[in-house]
């Protein structure tokens, strides 16, 4: 699901009080972003309702991107209980993504 500067608080911060939220900061022109996206979707789907994926286009949402110091993409940040709890940058292996999610559930 897409998230914007306007609805970030509702869709990410507030929603993370109920379940783990992963935010994929990406851009259309970013080749590594396009490689990571289907991997993220596959991993998130395997966790069912426990985890939700949000996608934020950094070109269209500079306010939130700046607030979280996004200076390289793809950047994935995990939110739980209203707070940033973990993150990774770049294309990482599926197993690494699973381990990162598991340790934060």
PDB file of N, CA and C in Angstrom:
ATOM      1  N   UNK A   1       0.843  -1.176   0.000  1.00  0.00           N
ATOM      2  CA  UNK A   1       0.000   0.000   0.000  1.00  0.00           C
ATOM      3  C   UNK A   1       0.887   1.237   0.000  1.00  0.00           C
ATOM      4  N   UNK A   2       0.483   2.230  -0.740  1.00  0.00           N
ATOM      5  CA  UNK A   2       1.246   3.469  -0.807  1.00  0.00           C
ATOM      6  C   UNK A   2       0.964   4.342   0.405  1.00  0.00           C
ATOM      7  N   UNK A   3       1.993   5.059   0.831  1.00  0.00           N
ATOM      8  CA  UNK A   3       1.868   5.993   1.940  1.00  0.00           C
ATOM      9  C   UNK A   3       2.511   7.307   1.501  1.00  0.00           C
ATOM     10  N   UNK A   4       1.957   8.424   1.987  1.00  0.00           N
ATOM     11  CA  UNK A   4       2.437   9.751   1.607  1.00  0.00           C
ATOM     12  C   UNK A   4       2.812  10.550   2.852  1.00  0.00           C
ATOM     13  N   UNK A   5       3.394  11.723   2.631  1.00  0.00           N
ATOM     14  CA  UNK A   5       3.693  12.614   3.758  1.00  0.00           C
ATOM     15  C   UNK A   5       2.435  12.893   4.571  1.00  0.00           C
ATOM     16  N   UNK A   6       1.308  13.052   3.878  1.00  0.00           N
ATOM     17  CA  UNK A   6       0.058  13.426   4.553  1.00  0.00           C
ATOM     18  C   UNK A   6      -0.512  12.321   5.441  1.00  0.00           C
ATOM     19  N   UNK A   7      -0.378  11.051   5.015  1.00  0.00           N
ATOM     20  CA  UNK A   7      -1.005   9.978   5.803  1.00  0.00           C
ATOM     21  C   UNK A   7       0.006   9.054   6.504  1.00  0.00           C
ATOM     22  N   UNK A   8       1.285   9.455   6.537  1.00  0.00           N
ATOM     23  CA  UNK A   8       2.317   8.629   7.159  1.00  0.00           C
ATOM     24  C   UNK A   8       2.005   8.344   8.624  1.00  0.00           C
ATOM     25  N   UNK A   9       1.604   9.379   9.363  1.00  0.00           N
ATOM     26  CA  UNK A   9       1.329   9.184  10.790  1.00  0.00           C
ATOM     27  C   UNK A   9       0.229   8.140  11.007  1.00  0.00           C
ATOM     28  N   UNK A  10      -0.827   8.246  10.230  1.00  0.00           N
ATOM     29  CA  UNK A  10      -1.956   7.310  10.375  1.00  0.00           C
ATOM     30  C   UNK A  10      -1.593   5.899   9.904  1.00  0.00           C
ATOM     31  N   UNK A  11      -1.047   5.793   8.687  1.00  0.00           N
ATOM     32  CA  UNK A  11      -0.811   4.481   8.076  1.00  0.00           C
ATOM     33  C   UNK A  11       0.419   3.755   8.616  1.00  0.00           C
ATOM     34  N   UNK A  12       1.368   4.509   9.184  1.00  0.00           N
ATOM     35  CA  UNK A  12       2.591   3.875   9.680  1.00  0.00           C
ATOM     36  C   UNK A  12       2.683   3.963  11.206  1.00  0.00           C
ATOM     37  N   UNK A  13       2.785   5.159  11.732  1.00  0.00           N
ATOM     38  CA  UNK A  13       3.003   5.315  13.177  1.00  0.00           C
ATOM     39  C   UNK A  13       1.841   4.713  13.971  1.00  0.00           C
ATOM     40  N   UNK A  14       0.619   5.125  13.677  1.00  0.00           N
ATOM     41  CA  UNK A  14      -0.539   4.603  14.425  1.00  0.00           C
ATOM     42  C   UNK A  14      -0.767   3.118  14.145  1.00  0.00           C
ATOM     43  N   UNK A  15      -0.656   2.710  12.890  1.00  0.00           N
ATOM     44  CA  UNK A  15      -0.875   1.300  12.527  1.00  0.00           C
ATOM     45  C   UNK A  15       0.163   0.389  13.171  1.00  0.00           C
ATOM     46  N   UNK A  16       1.379   0.917  13.401  1.00  0.00           N
ATOM     47  CA  UNK A  16       2.438   0.090  13.993  1.00  0.00           C
ATOM     48  C   UNK A  16       2.180  -0.230  15.462  1.00  0.00           C
ATOM     49  N   UNK A  17       1.174   0.388  16.034  1.00  0.00           N
ATOM     50  CA  UNK A  17       0.790   0.060  17.412  1.00  0.00           C
ATOM     51  C   UNK A  17      -0.009  -1.230  17.462  1.00  0.00           C
ATOM     52  N   UNK A  18      -0.453  -1.699  16.280  1.00  0.00           N
ATOM     53  CA  UNK A  18      -1.220  -2.940  16.193  1.00  0.00           C
ATOM     54  C   UNK A  18      -0.437  -4.072  15.546  1.00  0.00           C
ATOM     55  N   UNK A  19       0.490  -3.728  14.624  1.00  0.00           N
ATOM     56  CA  UNK A  19       1.311  -4.740  13.959  1.00  0.00           C
ATOM     57  C   UNK A  19       2.576  -4.100  13.412  1.00  0.00           C
ATOM     58  N   UNK A  20       3.533  -4.930  13.041  1.00  0.00           N
ATOM     59  CA  UNK A  20       4.794  -4.463  12.487  1.00  0.00           C
ATOM     60  C   UNK A  20       4.551  -3.886  11.094  1.00  0.00           C
ATOM     61  N   UNK A  21       5.069  -2.682  10.845  1.00  0.00           N
ATOM     62  CA  UNK A  21       4.924  -2.019   9.552  1.00  0.00           C
ATOM     63  C   UNK A  21       6.314  -1.828   8.946  1.00  0.00           C
ATOM     64  N   UNK A  22       6.477  -2.300   7.717  1.00  0.00           N
ATOM     65  CA  UNK A  22       7.711  -2.061   6.962  1.00  0.00           C
ATOM     66  C   UNK A  22       7.419  -0.974   5.949  1.00  0.00           C
ATOM     67  N   UNK A  23       8.287   0.032   5.906  1.00  0.00           N
ATOM     68  CA  UNK A  23       8.148   1.086   4.909  1.00  0.00           C
ATOM     69  C   UNK A  23       9.318   0.974   3.937  1.00  0.00           C
ATOM     70  N   UNK A  24       8.972   0.791   2.673  1.00  0.00           N
ATOM     71  CA  UNK A  24       9.950   0.715   1.594  1.00  0.00           C
ATOM     72  C   UNK A  24      10.033   2.092   0.954  1.00  0.00           C
ATOM     73  N   UNK A  25      11.150   2.806   1.210  1.00  0.00           N
ATOM     74  CA  UNK A  25      11.390   4.105   0.598  1.00  0.00           C
ATOM     75  C   UNK A  25      12.054   3.836  -0.749  1.00  0.00           C
ATOM     76  N   UNK A  26      11.431   4.284  -1.845  1.00  0.00           N
ATOM     77  CA  UNK A  26      11.864   3.917  -3.191  1.00  0.00           C
ATOM     78  C   UNK A  26      11.611   5.068  -4.166  1.00  0.00           C
ATOM     79  N   UNK A  27      12.038   4.862  -5.412  1.00  0.00           N
ATOM     80  CA  UNK A  27      11.738   5.799  -6.500  1.00  0.00           C
ATOM     81  C   UNK A  27      11.596   4.988  -7.785  1.00  0.00           C
ATOM     82  N   UNK A  28      10.801   5.510  -8.714  1.00  0.00           N
ATOM     83  CA  UNK A  28      10.550   4.801  -9.976  1.00  0.00           C
ATOM     84  C   UNK A  28      11.818   4.547 -10.779  1.00  0.00           C
ATOM     85  N   UNK A  29      12.757   5.469 -10.755  1.00  0.00           N
ATOM     86  CA  UNK A  29      13.981   5.377 -11.555  1.00  0.00           C
ATOM     87  C   UNK A  29      15.036   4.458 -10.935  1.00  0.00           C
ATOM     88  N   UNK A  30      14.786   3.978  -9.720  1.00  0.00           N
ATOM     89  CA  UNK A  30      15.778   3.217  -8.948  1.00  0.00           C
ATOM     90  C   UNK A  30      15.722   1.730  -9.298  1.00  0.00           C
ATOM     91  N   UNK A  31      16.728   1.253 -10.026  1.00  0.00           N
ATOM     92  CA  UNK A  31      16.762  -0.158 -10.435  1.00  0.00           C
ATOM     93  C   UNK A  31      16.825  -1.105  -9.221  1.00  0.00           C
ATOM     94  N   UNK A  32      17.701  -0.860  -8.227  1.00  0.00           N
ATOM     95  CA  UNK A  32      17.702  -1.746  -7.057  1.00  0.00           C
ATOM     96  C   UNK A  32      16.349  -1.783  -6.337  1.00  0.00           C
ATOM     97  N   UNK A  33      15.632  -0.649  -6.343  1.00  0.00           N
ATOM     98  CA  UNK A  33      14.293  -0.610  -5.727  1.00  0.00           C
ATOM     99  C   UNK A  33      13.359  -1.599  -6.423  1.00  0.00           C
ATOM    100  N   UNK A  34      13.448  -1.628  -7.745  1.00  0.00           N
ATOM    101  CA  UNK A  34      12.591  -2.520  -8.515  1.00  0.00           C
ATOM    102  C   UNK A  34      12.981  -3.984  -8.349  1.00  0.00           C
ATOM    103  N   UNK A  35      14.228  -4.237  -7.990  1.00  0.00           N
ATOM    104  CA  UNK A  35      14.674  -5.607  -7.692  1.00  0.00           C
ATOM    105  C   UNK A  35      14.174  -6.030  -6.314  1.00  0.00           C
ATOM    106  N   UNK A  36      14.268  -5.123  -5.339  1.00  0.00           N
ATOM    107  CA  UNK A  36      13.885  -5.447  -3.961  1.00  0.00           C
ATOM    108  C   UNK A  36      12.377  -5.594  -3.783  1.00  0.00           C
ATOM    109  N   UNK A  37      11.595  -4.812  -4.495  1.00  0.00           N
ATOM    110  CA  UNK A  37      10.148  -4.772  -4.288  1.00  0.00           C
ATOM    111  C   UNK A  37       9.461  -6.143  -4.315  1.00  0.00           C
ATOM    112  N   UNK A  38       9.666  -6.977  -5.334  1.00  0.00           N
ATOM    113  CA  UNK A  38       8.990  -8.277  -5.328  1.00  0.00           C
ATOM    114  C   UNK A  38       9.495  -9.208  -4.221  1.00  0.00           C
ATOM    115  N   UNK A  39      10.740  -9.044  -3.818  1.00  0.00           N
ATOM    116  CA  UNK A  39      11.274  -9.852  -2.711  1.00  0.00           C
ATOM    117  C   UNK A  39      10.556  -9.465  -1.423  1.00  0.00           C
ATOM    118  N   UNK A  40      10.430  -8.170  -1.182  1.00  0.00           N
ATOM    119  CA  UNK A  40       9.715  -7.695   0.005  1.00  0.00           C
ATOM    120  C   UNK A  40       8.274  -8.202   0.021  1.00  0.00           C
ATOM    121  N   UNK A  41       7.601  -8.081  -1.117  1.00  0.00           N
ATOM    122  CA  UNK A  41       6.202  -8.504  -1.187  1.00  0.00           C
ATOM    123  C   UNK A  41       6.056  -9.994  -0.887  1.00  0.00           C
ATOM    124  N   UNK A  42       6.946 -10.804  -1.427  1.00  0.00           N
ATOM    125  CA  UNK A  42       6.901 -12.246  -1.181  1.00  0.00           C
ATOM    126  C   UNK A  42       7.092 -12.556   0.308  1.00  0.00           C
ATOM    127  N   UNK A  43       8.094 -11.921   0.913  1.00  0.00           N
ATOM    128  CA  UNK A  43       8.374 -12.170   2.329  1.00  0.00           C
ATOM    129  C   UNK A  43       7.208 -11.697   3.196  1.00  0.00           C
ATOM    130  N   UNK A  44       6.722 -10.496   2.946  1.00  0.00           N
ATOM    131  CA  UNK A  44       5.614  -9.948   3.745  1.00  0.00           C
ATOM    132  C   UNK A  44       4.381 -10.835   3.630  1.00  0.00           C
ATOM    133  N   UNK A  45       4.075 -11.307   2.432  1.00  0.00           N
ATOM    134  CA  UNK A  45       2.912 -12.185   2.240  1.00  0.00           C
ATOM    135  C   UNK A  45       3.013 -13.439   3.103  1.00  0.00           C
ATOM    136  N   UNK A  46       4.226 -13.938   3.288  1.00  0.00           N
ATOM    137  CA  UNK A  46       4.403 -15.172   4.060  1.00  0.00           C
ATOM    138  C   UNK A  46       4.128 -14.974   5.552  1.00  0.00           C
ATOM    139  N   UNK A  47       4.110 -13.733   6.027  1.00  0.00           N
ATOM    140  CA  UNK A  47       3.843 -13.458   7.435  1.00  0.00           C
ATOM    141  C   UNK A  47       2.358 -13.191   7.713  1.00  0.00           C
ATOM    142  N   UNK A  48       1.542 -13.183   6.683  1.00  0.00           N
ATOM    143  CA  UNK A  48       0.105 -12.981   6.869  1.00  0.00           C
ATOM    144  C   UNK A  48      -0.213 -11.617   7.456  1.00  0.00           C
ATOM    145  N   UNK A  49      -1.090 -11.621   8.455  1.00  0.00           N
ATOM    146  CA  UNK A  49      -1.587 -10.371   9.047  1.00  0.00           C
ATOM    147  C   UNK A  49      -0.630  -9.733  10.052  1.00  0.00           C
ATOM    148  N   UNK A  50       0.479 -10.394  10.373  1.00  0.00           N
ATOM    149  CA  UNK A  50       1.395  -9.889  11.405  1.00  0.00           C
ATOM    150  C   UNK A  50       2.204  -8.677  10.953  1.00  0.00           C
ATOM    151  N   UNK A  51       2.396  -8.556   9.634  1.00  0.00           N
ATOM    152  CA  UNK A  51       3.269  -7.515   9.082  1.00  0.00           C
ATOM    153  C   UNK A  51       2.587  -6.882   7.878  1.00  0.00           C
ATOM    154  N   UNK A  52       2.780  -5.571   7.734  1.00  0.00           N
ATOM    155  CA  UNK A  52       2.218  -4.884   6.578  1.00  0.00           C
ATOM    156  C   UNK A  52       3.316  -4.071   5.887  1.00  0.00           C
ATOM    157  N   UNK A  53       3.269  -4.046   4.564  1.00  0.00           N
ATOM    158  CA  UNK A  53       4.240  -3.308   3.762  1.00  0.00           C
ATOM    159  C   UNK A  53       3.622  -2.019   3.246  1.00  0.00           C
ATOM    160  N   UNK A  54       4.325  -0.925   3.471  1.00  0.00           N
ATOM    161  CA  UNK A  54       3.945   0.380   2.929  1.00  0.00           C
ATOM    162  C   UNK A  54       5.066   0.832   2.006  1.00  0.00           C
ATOM    163  N   UNK A  55       4.689   1.481   0.913  1.00  0.00           N
ATOM    164  CA  UNK A  55       5.682   1.963  -0.041  1.00  0.00           C
ATOM    165  C   UNK A  55       5.594   3.482  -0.128  1.00  0.00           C
ATOM    166  N   UNK A  56       6.758   4.141   0.037  1.00  0.00           N
ATOM    167  CA  UNK A  56       6.792   5.593  -0.034  1.00  0.00           C
ATOM    168  C   UNK A  56       7.756   6.033  -1.137  1.00  0.00           C
ATOM    169  N   UNK A  57       7.216   6.731  -2.134  1.00  0.00           N
ATOM    170  CA  UNK A  57       8.019   7.277  -3.218  1.00  0.00           C
ATOM    171  C   UNK A  57       8.743   8.519  -2.686  1.00  0.00           C
ATOM    172  N   UNK A  58      10.076   8.446  -2.628  1.00  0.00           N
ATOM    173  CA  UNK A  58      10.852   9.540  -2.040  1.00  0.00           C
ATOM    174  C   UNK A  58      10.785  10.823  -2.872  1.00  0.00           C
ATOM    175  N   UNK A  59      10.605  10.685  -4.176  1.00  0.00           N
ATOM    176  CA  UNK A  59      10.514  11.873  -5.028  1.00  0.00           C
ATOM    177  C   UNK A  59       9.228  12.653  -4.775  1.00  0.00           C
ATOM    178  N   UNK A  60       8.175  11.953  -4.409  1.00  0.00           N
ATOM    179  CA  UNK A  60       6.872  12.588  -4.197  1.00  0.00           C
ATOM    180  C   UNK A  60       6.626  12.954  -2.736  1.00  0.00           C
ATOM    181  N   UNK A  61       7.476  12.479  -1.830  1.00  0.00           N
ATOM    182  CA  UNK A  61       7.259  12.679  -0.387  1.00  0.00           C
ATOM    183  C   UNK A  61       8.557  13.077   0.316  1.00  0.00           C
ATOM    184  N   UNK A  62       9.074  14.267  -0.002  1.00  0.00           N
ATOM    185  CA  UNK A  62      10.364  14.674   0.559  1.00  0.00           C
ATOM    186  C   UNK A  62      10.345  14.928   2.071  1.00  0.00           C
ATOM    187  N   UNK A  63       9.212  15.331   2.617  1.00  0.00           N
ATOM    188  CA  UNK A  63       9.150  15.667   4.042  1.00  0.00           C
ATOM    189  C   UNK A  63       9.481  14.452   4.918  1.00  0.00           C
ATOM    190  N   UNK A  64       8.782  13.356   4.696  1.00  0.00           N
ATOM    191  CA  UNK A  64       9.014  12.153   5.502  1.00  0.00           C
ATOM    192  C   UNK A  64      10.377  11.558   5.190  1.00  0.00           C
ATOM    193  N   UNK A  65      10.768  11.569   3.926  1.00  0.00           N
ATOM    194  CA  UNK A  65      12.079  11.048   3.540  1.00  0.00           C
ATOM    195  C   UNK A  65      13.196  11.800   4.253  1.00  0.00           C
ATOM    196  N   UNK A  66      13.082  13.116   4.317  1.00  0.00           N
ATOM    197  CA  UNK A  66      14.075  13.933   5.027  1.00  0.00           C
ATOM    198  C   UNK A  66      14.041  13.667   6.530  1.00  0.00           C
ATOM    199  N   UNK A  67      12.851  13.538   7.099  1.00  0.00           N
ATOM    200  CA  UNK A  67      12.716  13.310   8.535  1.00  0.00           C
ATOM    201  C   UNK A  67      13.436  12.036   8.962  1.00  0.00           C
ATOM    202  N   UNK A  68      13.401  11.017   8.099  1.00  0.00           N
ATOM    203  CA  UNK A  68      14.042   9.744   8.441  1.00  0.00           C
ATOM    204  C   UNK A  68      15.422   9.582   7.800  1.00  0.00           C
ATOM    205  N   UNK A  69      15.975  10.678   7.283  1.00  0.00           N
ATOM    206  CA  UNK A  69      17.341  10.671   6.792  1.00  0.00           C
ATOM    207  C   UNK A  69      17.594   9.763   5.607  1.00  0.00           C
ATOM    208  N   UNK A  70      16.629   9.671   4.717  1.00  0.00           N
ATOM    209  CA  UNK A  70      16.796   8.811   3.543  1.00  0.00           C
ATOM    210  C   UNK A  70      17.751   9.498   2.570  1.00  0.00           C
ATOM    211  N   UNK A  71      18.950   8.925   2.415  1.00  0.00           N
ATOM    212  CA  UNK A  71      19.894   9.481   1.445  1.00  0.00           C
ATOM    213  C   UNK A  71      20.406   8.411   0.485  1.00  0.00           C
ATOM    214  N   UNK A  72      19.905   7.189   0.639  1.00  0.00           N
ATOM    215  CA  UNK A  72      20.196   6.098  -0.294  1.00  0.00           C
ATOM    216  C   UNK A  72      18.960   5.213  -0.353  1.00  0.00           C
ATOM    217  N   UNK A  73      18.622   4.745  -1.549  1.00  0.00           N
ATOM    218  CA  UNK A  73      17.458   3.869  -1.697  1.00  0.00           C
ATOM    219  C   UNK A  73      17.840   2.642  -2.504  1.00  0.00           C
ATOM    220  N   UNK A  74      17.133   1.543  -2.333  1.00  0.00           N
ATOM    221  CA  UNK A  74      15.995   1.380  -1.446  1.00  0.00           C
ATOM    222  C   UNK A  74      16.425   1.386   0.023  1.00  0.00           C
ATOM    223  N   UNK A  75      15.585   1.989   0.829  1.00  0.00           N
ATOM    224  CA  UNK A  75      15.764   1.997   2.280  1.00  0.00           C
ATOM    225  C   UNK A  75      14.483   1.446   2.884  1.00  0.00           C
ATOM    226  N   UNK A  76      14.632   0.470   3.766  1.00  0.00           N
ATOM    227  CA  UNK A  76      13.468  -0.138   4.411  1.00  0.00           C
ATOM    228  C   UNK A  76      13.569   0.119   5.901  1.00  0.00           C
ATOM    229  N   UNK A  77      12.506   0.658   6.457  1.00  0.00           N
ATOM    230  CA  UNK A  77      12.463   0.953   7.886  1.00  0.00           C
ATOM    231  C   UNK A  77      11.287   0.213   8.502  1.00  0.00           C
ATOM    232  N   UNK A  78      11.510  -0.375   9.682  1.00  0.00           N
ATOM    233  CA  UNK A  78      10.487  -1.139  10.383  1.00  0.00           C
ATOM    234  C   UNK A  78       9.994  -0.337  11.578  1.00  0.00           C
ATOM    235  N   UNK A  79       8.681  -0.276  11.715  1.00  0.00           N
ATOM    236  CA  UNK A  79       8.054   0.471  12.789  1.00  0.00           C
ATOM    237  C   UNK A  79       7.212  -0.470  13.645  1.00  0.00           C
ATOM    238  N   UNK A  80       7.337  -0.309  14.960  1.00  0.00           N
ATOM    239  CA  UNK A  80       6.580  -1.111  15.919  1.00  0.00           C
ATOM    240  C   UNK A  80       6.262  -0.223  17.110  1.00  0.00           C
ATOM    241  N   UNK A  81       5.059  -0.328  17.624  1.00  0.00           N
ATOM    242  CA  UNK A  81       4.638   0.462  18.779  1.00  0.00           C
ATOM    243  C   UNK A  81       4.878   1.961  18.582  1.00  0.00           C
ATOM    244  N   UNK A  82       4.680   2.423  17.336  1.00  0.00           N
ATOM    245  CA  UNK A  82       4.807   3.839  17.054  1.00  0.00           C
ATOM    246  C   UNK A  82       6.225   4.340  16.878  1.00  0.00           C
ATOM    247  N   UNK A  83       7.206   3.424  16.884  1.00  0.00           N
ATOM    248  CA  UNK A  83       8.610   3.841  16.815  1.00  0.00           C
ATOM    249  C   UNK A  83       9.372   3.085  15.739  1.00  0.00           C
ATOM    250  N   UNK A  84      10.422   3.721  15.218  1.00  0.00           N
ATOM    251  CA  UNK A  84      11.357   3.077  14.309  1.00  0.00           C
ATOM    252  C   UNK A  84      12.177   2.080  15.123  1.00  0.00           C
ATOM    253  N   UNK A  85      12.142   0.793  14.719  1.00  0.00           N
ATOM    254  CA  UNK A  85      12.835  -0.238  15.497  1.00  0.00           C
ATOM    255  C   UNK A  85      13.973  -0.919  14.745  1.00  0.00           C
ATOM    256  N   UNK A  86      13.993  -0.821  13.418  1.00  0.00           N
ATOM    257  CA  UNK A  86      15.041  -1.486  12.645  1.00  0.00           C
ATOM    258  C   UNK A  86      15.030  -0.917  11.232  1.00  0.00           C
ATOM    259  N   UNK A  87      16.099  -1.209  10.476  1.00  0.00           N
ATOM    260  CA  UNK A  87      16.178  -0.715   9.106  1.00  0.00           C
ATOM    261  C   UNK A  87      17.282  -1.427   8.356  1.00  0.00           C
ATOM    262  N   UNK A  88      17.191  -1.365   7.036  1.00  0.00           N
ATOM    263  CA  UNK A  88      18.284  -1.806   6.174  1.00  0.00           C
ATOM    264  C   UNK A  88      18.229  -1.022   4.874  1.00  0.00           C
ATOM    265  N   UNK A  89      19.377  -0.955   4.214  1.00  0.00           N
ATOM    266  CA  UNK A  89      19.496  -0.200   2.965  1.00  0.00           C
ATOM    267  C   UNK A  89      20.013  -1.130   1.885  1.00  0.00           C
ATOM    268  N   UNK A  90      19.449  -1.002   0.694  1.00  0.00           N
ATOM    269  CA  UNK A  90      19.906  -1.770  -0.447  1.00  0.00           C
ATOM    270  C   UNK A  90      19.149  -3.068  -0.618  1.00  0.00           C
ATOM    271  N   UNK A  91      19.549  -3.811  -1.639  1.00  0.00           N
ATOM    272  CA  UNK A  91      18.937  -5.103  -1.916  1.00  0.00           C
ATOM    273  C   UNK A  91      19.614  -6.125  -1.016  1.00  0.00           C
ATOM    274  N   UNK A  92      18.833  -6.734  -0.143  1.00  0.00           N
ATOM    275  CA  UNK A  92      19.372  -7.744   0.770  1.00  0.00           C
ATOM    276  C   UNK A  92      18.689  -9.081   0.483  1.00  0.00           C
ATOM    277  N   UNK A  93      19.334 -10.184   0.858  1.00  0.00           N
ATOM    278  CA  UNK A  93      18.743 -11.501   0.599  1.00  0.00           C
ATOM    279  C   UNK A  93      17.425 -11.705   1.344  1.00  0.00           C
ATOM    280  N   UNK A  94      16.590 -12.546   0.774  1.00  0.00           N
ATOM    281  CA  UNK A  94      15.286 -12.870   1.374  1.00  0.00           C
ATOM    282  C   UNK A  94      15.441 -13.343   2.814  1.00  0.00           C
ATOM    283  N   UNK A  95      16.423 -14.192   3.071  1.00  0.00           N
ATOM    284  CA  UNK A  95      16.632 -14.703   4.435  1.00  0.00           C
ATOM    285  C   UNK A  95      16.937 -13.584   5.429  1.00  0.00           C
ATOM    286  N   UNK A  96      17.693 -12.606   4.988  1.00  0.00           N
ATOM    287  CA  UNK A  96      18.022 -11.468   5.855  1.00  0.00           C
ATOM    288  C   UNK A  96      16.765 -10.677   6.200  1.00  0.00           C
ATOM    289  N   UNK A  97      15.897 -10.484   5.224  1.00  0.00           N
ATOM    290  CA  UNK A  97      14.644  -9.769   5.473  1.00  0.00           C
ATOM    291  C   UNK A  97      13.795 -10.551   6.468  1.00  0.00           C
ATOM    292  N   UNK A  98      13.691 -11.861   6.290  1.00  0.00           N
ATOM    293  CA  UNK A  98      12.911 -12.710   7.215  1.00  0.00           C
ATOM    294  C   UNK A  98      13.471 -12.609   8.637  1.00  0.00           C
ATOM    295  N   UNK A  99      14.788 -12.690   8.762  1.00  0.00           N
ATOM    296  CA  UNK A  99      15.402 -12.604  10.093  1.00  0.00           C
ATOM    297  C   UNK A  99      15.130 -11.256  10.741  1.00  0.00           C
ATOM    298  N   UNK A 100      15.203 -10.187   9.952  1.00  0.00           N
ATOM    299  CA  UNK A 100      14.943  -8.853  10.478  1.00  0.00           C
ATOM    300  C   UNK A 100      13.507  -8.731  10.967  1.00  0.00           C
ATOM    301  N   UNK A 101      12.573  -9.274  10.203  1.00  0.00           N
ATOM    302  CA  UNK A 101      11.171  -9.237  10.627  1.00  0.00           C
ATOM    303  C   UNK A 101      10.966 -10.082  11.868  1.00  0.00           C
ATOM    304  N   UNK A 102      11.466 -11.304  11.855  1.00  0.00           N
ATOM    305  CA  UNK A 102      11.283 -12.212  12.999  1.00  0.00           C
ATOM    306  C   UNK A 102      11.799 -11.626  14.299  1.00  0.00           C
ATOM    307  N   UNK A 103      12.939 -10.971  14.267  1.00  0.00           N
ATOM    308  CA  UNK A 103      13.498 -10.438  15.509  1.00  0.00           C
ATOM    309  C   UNK A 103      12.704  -9.250  16.033  1.00  0.00           C
ATOM    310  N   UNK A 104      11.849  -8.660  15.181  1.00  0.00           N
ATOM    311  CA  UNK A 104      11.058  -7.509  15.601  1.00  0.00           C
ATOM    312  C   UNK A 104       9.581  -7.828  15.854  1.00  0.00           C
ATOM    313  N   UNK A 105       9.184  -9.060  15.624  1.00  0.00           N
ATOM    314  CA  UNK A 105       7.784  -9.427  15.876  1.00  0.00           C
ATOM    315  C   UNK A 105       7.530  -9.609  17.360  1.00  0.00           C
TER     316      UNK A 105
END
